[in-house]
């Protein structure tokens, strides 16, 4: 029969052998070195989770610089799915060449994503379109805060 006495992470157990001699047996579950590694790993995991939470919170509204094609917002999804040229052939109303004064605009990136602009971004996009000769192929660089699928534009320039 064995009795256990806690000693740190190890237990001092006494057992009675068949010849009735009492012998001390040290049972380490887990070993002291393994415990130190486990404690270190727990601390590192806590740091990693904390860092992930901090990055997740700040990532919700993070500064970014993106480049892509300036399109009307109502055509952005079609441009992502079908490509710019195919969308212009199927939907002539998506062309910004003749009618560039739209209420809202979007940025279509090379990675096949689109981001809508906030009201100040729409004003900046309109100013760039006014001065551009080729409005359907206008590539821009946008700097601002990204929140979900919307960009709060700080700067916008022609690429």
Protein backbone atom coordinates (compact mmCIF):
# COMPACT_ATOMS: atom_id res chain seq x y z
CA UNK A 1 0.00 0.00 0.00
CA UNK A 2 1.35 3.43 -0.88
CA UNK A 3 0.88 6.72 0.92
CA UNK A 4 1.81 10.03 -0.69
CA UNK A 5 3.23 13.18 0.82
CA UNK A 6 3.36 16.25 -1.39
CA UNK A 7 6.86 17.64 -1.87
CA UNK A 8 6.81 20.36 -4.54
CA UNK A 9 5.83 18.63 -7.76
CA UNK A 10 7.03 15.27 -6.52
CA UNK A 11 5.43 12.92 -4.10
CA UNK A 12 7.25 10.88 -1.51
CA UNK A 13 5.55 7.54 -1.46
CA UNK A 14 6.16 4.72 0.96
CA UNK A 15 5.46 1.23 -0.10
CA UNK A 16 5.48 -1.98 1.74
CA UNK A 17 7.23 -4.74 -0.08
CA UNK A 18 6.43 -8.36 0.26
CA UNK A 19 9.16 -8.74 2.89
CA UNK A 20 7.54 -5.97 4.96
CA UNK A 21 10.38 -3.47 4.57
CA UNK A 22 9.27 0.14 4.18
CA UNK A 23 11.10 1.85 1.34
CA UNK A 24 10.79 5.50 0.30
CA UNK A 25 9.90 5.93 -3.35
CA UNK A 26 9.99 9.31 -5.05
CA UNK A 27 7.33 9.69 -7.70
CA UNK A 28 7.69 12.84 -9.76
CA UNK A 29 4.67 13.69 -11.82
CA UNK A 30 5.91 15.43 -13.96
CA UNK A 31 9.59 16.00 -13.36
CA UNK A 32 10.74 19.35 -11.99
CA UNK A 33 12.32 20.30 -15.33
CA UNK A 34 9.17 19.40 -17.21
CA UNK A 35 7.19 21.56 -14.79
CA UNK A 36 9.51 24.51 -15.42
CA UNK A 37 9.03 24.06 -19.16
CA UNK A 38 5.26 23.80 -18.73
CA UNK A 39 5.15 26.96 -16.60
CA UNK A 40 7.29 28.79 -19.18
CA UNK A 41 4.99 27.59 -21.97
CA UNK A 42 1.92 28.76 -20.04
CA UNK A 43 3.49 32.19 -19.56
CA UNK A 44 4.43 32.36 -23.25
CA UNK A 45 0.92 31.31 -24.24
CA UNK A 46 -0.57 34.02 -22.04
CA UNK A 47 1.71 36.58 -23.69
CA UNK A 48 0.74 35.29 -27.13
CA UNK A 49 -2.98 35.48 -26.35
CA UNK A 50 -2.58 38.99 -24.94
CA UNK A 51 -0.67 40.10 -28.02
CA UNK A 52 -3.32 38.55 -30.25
CA UNK A 53 -6.08 40.41 -28.41
CA UNK A 54 -4.19 43.69 -28.66
CA UNK A 55 -3.56 43.20 -32.37
CA UNK A 56 -7.16 42.15 -32.90
CA UNK A 57 -8.46 45.30 -31.24
CA UNK A 58 -6.07 47.60 -33.09
CA UNK A 59 -6.54 45.64 -36.32
CA UNK A 60 -10.20 46.62 -36.36
CA UNK A 61 -9.14 50.10 -37.43
CA UNK A 62 -5.61 49.97 -38.78
CA UNK A 63 -3.74 52.37 -41.01
CA UNK A 64 -3.10 50.99 -44.46
CA UNK A 65 -1.81 52.01 -47.85
CA UNK A 66 -3.46 50.23 -50.75
CA UNK A 67 -3.42 50.60 -54.47
CA UNK A 68 -5.90 49.58 -57.10
CA UNK A 69 -8.47 50.63 -59.64
CA UNK A 70 -10.96 53.40 -58.87
CA UNK A 71 -14.51 52.32 -59.80
CA UNK A 72 -18.09 53.29 -59.02
CA UNK A 73 -19.20 51.57 -55.85
CA UNK A 74 -22.29 49.98 -57.43
CA UNK A 75 -20.00 48.24 -59.98
CA UNK A 76 -17.23 47.14 -57.60
CA UNK A 77 -18.62 43.67 -56.92
CA UNK A 78 -19.01 42.96 -60.65
CA UNK A 79 -15.47 44.16 -61.33
CA UNK A 80 -14.13 41.77 -58.67
CA UNK A 81 -16.12 38.81 -60.04
CA UNK A 82 -15.86 39.34 -63.81
CA UNK A 83 -12.92 41.69 -64.32
CA UNK A 84 -12.94 45.35 -65.31
CA UNK A 85 -13.12 44.99 -69.09
CA UNK A 86 -15.93 42.41 -69.00
CA UNK A 87 -17.92 44.56 -66.59
CA UNK A 88 -17.58 47.62 -68.82
CA UNK A 89 -18.78 45.60 -71.83
CA UNK A 90 -21.74 44.12 -69.97
CA UNK A 91 -22.65 47.26 -68.04
CA UNK A 92 -21.85 50.48 -69.91
CA UNK A 93 -23.25 52.47 -66.96
CA UNK A 94 -20.14 51.42 -64.98
CA UNK A 95 -17.88 53.50 -67.20
CA UNK A 96 -16.51 56.62 -65.51
CA UNK A 97 -15.22 58.13 -68.76
CA UNK A 98 -18.32 60.15 -69.67
CA UNK A 99 -20.22 60.16 -66.39
CA UNK A 100 -17.72 60.29 -63.57
CA UNK A 101 -19.79 62.32 -61.07
CA UNK A 102 -21.04 59.48 -58.84
CA UNK A 103 -22.17 59.61 -55.25
CA UNK A 104 -19.86 56.81 -54.06
CA UNK A 105 -16.66 55.14 -55.24
CA UNK A 106 -14.66 52.05 -54.37
CA UNK A 107 -11.13 50.74 -54.71
CA UNK A 108 -10.65 47.33 -56.37
CA UNK A 109 -7.28 45.83 -55.43
CA UNK A 110 -5.18 43.39 -57.43
CA UNK A 111 -6.07 40.77 -54.83
CA UNK A 112 -9.69 40.82 -56.03
CA UNK A 113 -11.07 42.72 -53.05
CA UNK A 114 -12.95 45.98 -53.00
CA UNK A 115 -13.11 48.67 -50.36
CA UNK A 116 -15.67 51.47 -50.23
CA UNK A 117 -14.70 55.02 -49.30
CA UNK A 118 -16.02 57.26 -46.56
CA UNK A 119 -17.59 60.61 -47.63
CA UNK A 120 -14.26 62.46 -47.60
CA UNK A 121 -12.73 59.67 -49.71
CA UNK A 122 -15.55 60.02 -52.24
CA UNK A 123 -14.80 63.76 -52.52
CA UNK A 124 -11.09 63.07 -53.06
CA UNK A 125 -11.88 60.44 -55.68
CA UNK A 126 -14.10 62.92 -57.53
CA UNK A 127 -11.31 65.52 -57.53
CA UNK A 128 -8.88 63.00 -59.02
CA UNK A 129 -11.39 61.94 -61.67
CA UNK A 130 -12.00 65.56 -62.74
CA UNK A 131 -8.35 66.04 -63.62
CA UNK A 132 -7.76 62.66 -65.27
CA UNK A 133 -8.03 62.08 -69.04
CA UNK A 134 -8.50 58.29 -68.78
CA UNK A 135 -11.06 57.84 -66.02
CA UNK A 136 -11.88 54.18 -66.67
CA UNK A 137 -8.32 53.01 -66.05
CA UNK A 138 -7.48 55.28 -63.12
CA UNK A 139 -5.15 53.50 -60.69
CA UNK A 140 -4.76 55.18 -57.31
CA UNK A 141 -2.87 54.82 -54.05
CA UNK A 142 -5.05 55.27 -50.97
CA UNK A 143 -3.80 55.83 -47.44
CA UNK A 144 -6.21 55.67 -44.54
CA UNK A 145 -7.83 53.70 -41.77
CA UNK A 146 -9.42 50.40 -42.79
CA UNK A 147 -12.46 49.32 -40.83
CA UNK A 148 -14.04 46.19 -42.26
CA UNK A 149 -14.69 46.90 -45.92
CA UNK A 150 -14.55 50.71 -45.64
CA UNK A 151 -11.57 53.04 -45.88
CA UNK A 152 -11.49 56.35 -44.07
CA UNK A 153 -9.30 58.08 -46.63
CA UNK A 154 -6.55 60.44 -45.50
CA UNK A 155 -4.66 60.69 -48.80
CA UNK A 156 -5.37 59.59 -52.35
CA UNK A 157 -3.01 60.00 -55.29
CA UNK A 158 -2.80 58.77 -58.86
CA UNK A 159 -0.45 55.84 -59.32
